[in-house]
């Protein structure tokens, strides 16, 4: 299980996303929604599970709904904010902002 700290690196972000995948596929409501929203089938899931881009997409899916964020955060033992931070550590999650 990933640490509860806000200082997490890419490896921990990937571990958190993998934990999210495990929760999603075990949930009878989340799994079909994940498959429908992402267009990801079982073969895609198996083939891409180690792909950091895919893991970023998993966290994108999680972060789309407050209820899903709460479910995954609780299952992982982390705060919802940690999920947002984890997303920022994976490809496509870096926000570049200039004041």
Foldseek 3Di string as FASTA:
>chain_A
DADQDLDDAQVSLLVLLLLLVVLQVVDPPNVVVCCVVVVDDPVNCVVCSPPLVVSLVSLVVQVPDPVSLVVSCVSVVYDSVSSLSSSCNTPPSPDDDDD
